[in-house]
């Protein structure tokens, strides 16, 4: 992170993607394990990213994306 209090990445080429999990509980367990391994590094943070939420907010949804509403 550029600053420990922000969510801005300093170097996006160095993002550590841990995995894709079938449910939140499994993702949480993986997140907790990785976060504990880097507890002494204030510039290293792990997040649980919901793939279905990672889309361009400015782009309009397609008909298929709207089916989930």
C-alpha atoms as a PDB file:
ATOM      1  CA  UNK A   1       0.000   0.000   0.000  1.00  0.00           C
ATOM      2  CA  UNK A   2       1.179   3.548  -0.588  1.00  0.00           C
ATOM      3  CA  UNK A   3       0.058   4.453   2.924  1.00  0.00           C
ATOM      4  CA  UNK A   4      -1.051   2.053   5.696  1.00  0.00           C
ATOM      5  CA  UNK A   5      -4.312   3.958   6.120  1.00  0.00           C
ATOM      6  CA  UNK A   6      -5.277   3.827   2.426  1.00  0.00           C
ATOM      7  CA  UNK A   7      -6.298   1.174  -0.061  1.00  0.00           C
ATOM      8  CA  UNK A   8      -4.138   2.533  -2.891  1.00  0.00           C
ATOM      9  CA  UNK A   9      -1.678  -0.008  -4.253  1.00  0.00           C
ATOM     10  CA  UNK A  10       1.939   1.085  -4.632  1.00  0.00           C
ATOM     11  CA  UNK A  11       2.803  -1.513  -7.297  1.00  0.00           C
ATOM     12  CA  UNK A  12      -0.076  -3.413  -8.912  1.00  0.00           C
ATOM     13  CA  UNK A  13       2.388  -5.836 -10.545  1.00  0.00           C
ATOM     14  CA  UNK A  14       3.178  -7.145  -7.062  1.00  0.00           C
ATOM     15  CA  UNK A  15      -0.422  -7.937  -6.009  1.00  0.00           C
ATOM     16  CA  UNK A  16      -0.542 -11.387  -4.403  1.00  0.00           C
ATOM     17  CA  UNK A  17      -3.717 -13.161  -5.510  1.00  0.00           C
ATOM     18  CA  UNK A  18      -4.174 -16.038  -3.097  1.00  0.00           C
ATOM     19  CA  UNK A  19      -7.050 -17.908  -4.714  1.00  0.00           C
ATOM     20  CA  UNK A  20     -10.695 -18.245  -5.597  1.00  0.00           C
ATOM     21  CA  UNK A  21     -12.893 -19.896  -2.993  1.00  0.00           C
ATOM     22  CA  UNK A  22     -16.370 -21.448  -3.080  1.00  0.00           C
ATOM     23  CA  UNK A  23     -17.688 -19.483  -0.110  1.00  0.00           C
ATOM     24  CA  UNK A  24     -16.911 -16.637   2.243  1.00  0.00           C
ATOM     25  CA  UNK A  25     -15.799 -18.914   5.101  1.00  0.00           C
ATOM     26  CA  UNK A  26     -13.065 -20.516   2.979  1.00  0.00           C
ATOM     27  CA  UNK A  27     -11.961 -17.099   1.690  1.00  0.00           C
ATOM     28  CA  UNK A  28     -11.871 -15.766   5.250  1.00  0.00           C
ATOM     29  CA  UNK A  29      -9.673 -18.650   6.419  1.00  0.00           C
ATOM     30  CA  UNK A  30      -7.214 -18.003   3.558  1.00  0.00           C
ATOM     31  CA  UNK A  31      -7.266 -14.250   4.229  1.00  0.00           C
ATOM     32  CA  UNK A  32      -6.622 -14.739   7.936  1.00  0.00           C
ATOM     33  CA  UNK A  33      -3.690 -17.061   7.296  1.00  0.00           C
ATOM     34  CA  UNK A  34      -2.002 -14.678   4.822  1.00  0.00           C
ATOM     35  CA  UNK A  35      -2.713 -11.616   6.972  1.00  0.00           C
ATOM     36  CA  UNK A  36      -1.132 -13.255  10.010  1.00  0.00           C
ATOM     37  CA  UNK A  37       1.992 -14.143   7.997  1.00  0.00           C
ATOM     38  CA  UNK A  38       2.543 -10.449   7.166  1.00  0.00           C
ATOM     39  CA  UNK A  39       1.402  -8.861  10.430  1.00  0.00           C
ATOM     40  CA  UNK A  40       4.725  -7.001  10.875  1.00  0.00           C
ATOM     41  CA  UNK A  41       4.562  -5.308   7.460  1.00  0.00           C
ATOM     42  CA  UNK A  42       2.288  -2.253   7.657  1.00  0.00           C
ATOM     43  CA  UNK A  43       2.419  -1.793   3.884  1.00  0.00           C
ATOM     44  CA  UNK A  44       1.138  -5.316   3.163  1.00  0.00           C
ATOM     45  CA  UNK A  45      -2.598  -5.898   3.338  1.00  0.00           C
ATOM     46  CA  UNK A  46      -4.858  -8.678   2.176  1.00  0.00           C
ATOM     47  CA  UNK A  47      -8.482  -8.217   1.158  1.00  0.00           C
ATOM     48  CA  UNK A  48     -11.358 -10.514   0.379  1.00  0.00           C
ATOM     49  CA  UNK A  49     -12.489  -9.338  -3.057  1.00  0.00           C
ATOM     50  CA  UNK A  50     -15.943 -10.304  -4.265  1.00  0.00           C
ATOM     51  CA  UNK A  51     -15.449 -11.036  -7.968  1.00  0.00           C
ATOM     52  CA  UNK A  52     -19.035 -10.162  -8.819  1.00  0.00           C
ATOM     53  CA  UNK A  53     -18.411  -6.652  -7.456  1.00  0.00           C
ATOM     54  CA  UNK A  54     -15.259  -6.032  -9.508  1.00  0.00           C
ATOM     55  CA  UNK A  55     -16.693  -4.267 -12.499  1.00  0.00           C
ATOM     56  CA  UNK A  56     -16.506  -0.816 -13.979  1.00  0.00           C
ATOM     57  CA  UNK A  57     -19.017   1.356 -12.133  1.00  0.00           C
ATOM     58  CA  UNK A  58     -19.219   3.717 -15.104  1.00  0.00           C
ATOM     59  CA  UNK A  59     -20.112   0.946 -17.550  1.00  0.00           C
ATOM     60  CA  UNK A  60     -23.769  -0.013 -17.896  1.00  0.00           C
ATOM     61  CA  UNK A  61     -24.740  -3.563 -16.930  1.00  0.00           C
ATOM     62  CA  UNK A  62     -25.535  -6.037 -19.665  1.00  0.00           C
ATOM     63  CA  UNK A  63     -28.830  -7.924 -19.682  1.00  0.00           C
ATOM     64  CA  UNK A  64     -27.039 -11.000 -18.289  1.00  0.00           C
ATOM     65  CA  UNK A  65     -25.557  -9.032 -15.360  1.00  0.00           C
ATOM     66  CA  UNK A  66     -28.989  -7.636 -14.507  1.00  0.00           C
ATOM     67  CA  UNK A  67     -30.484 -11.133 -14.182  1.00  0.00           C
ATOM     68  CA  UNK A  68     -29.031 -11.405 -10.678  1.00  0.00           C
ATOM     69  CA  UNK A  69     -31.016  -8.390  -9.415  1.00  0.00           C
END
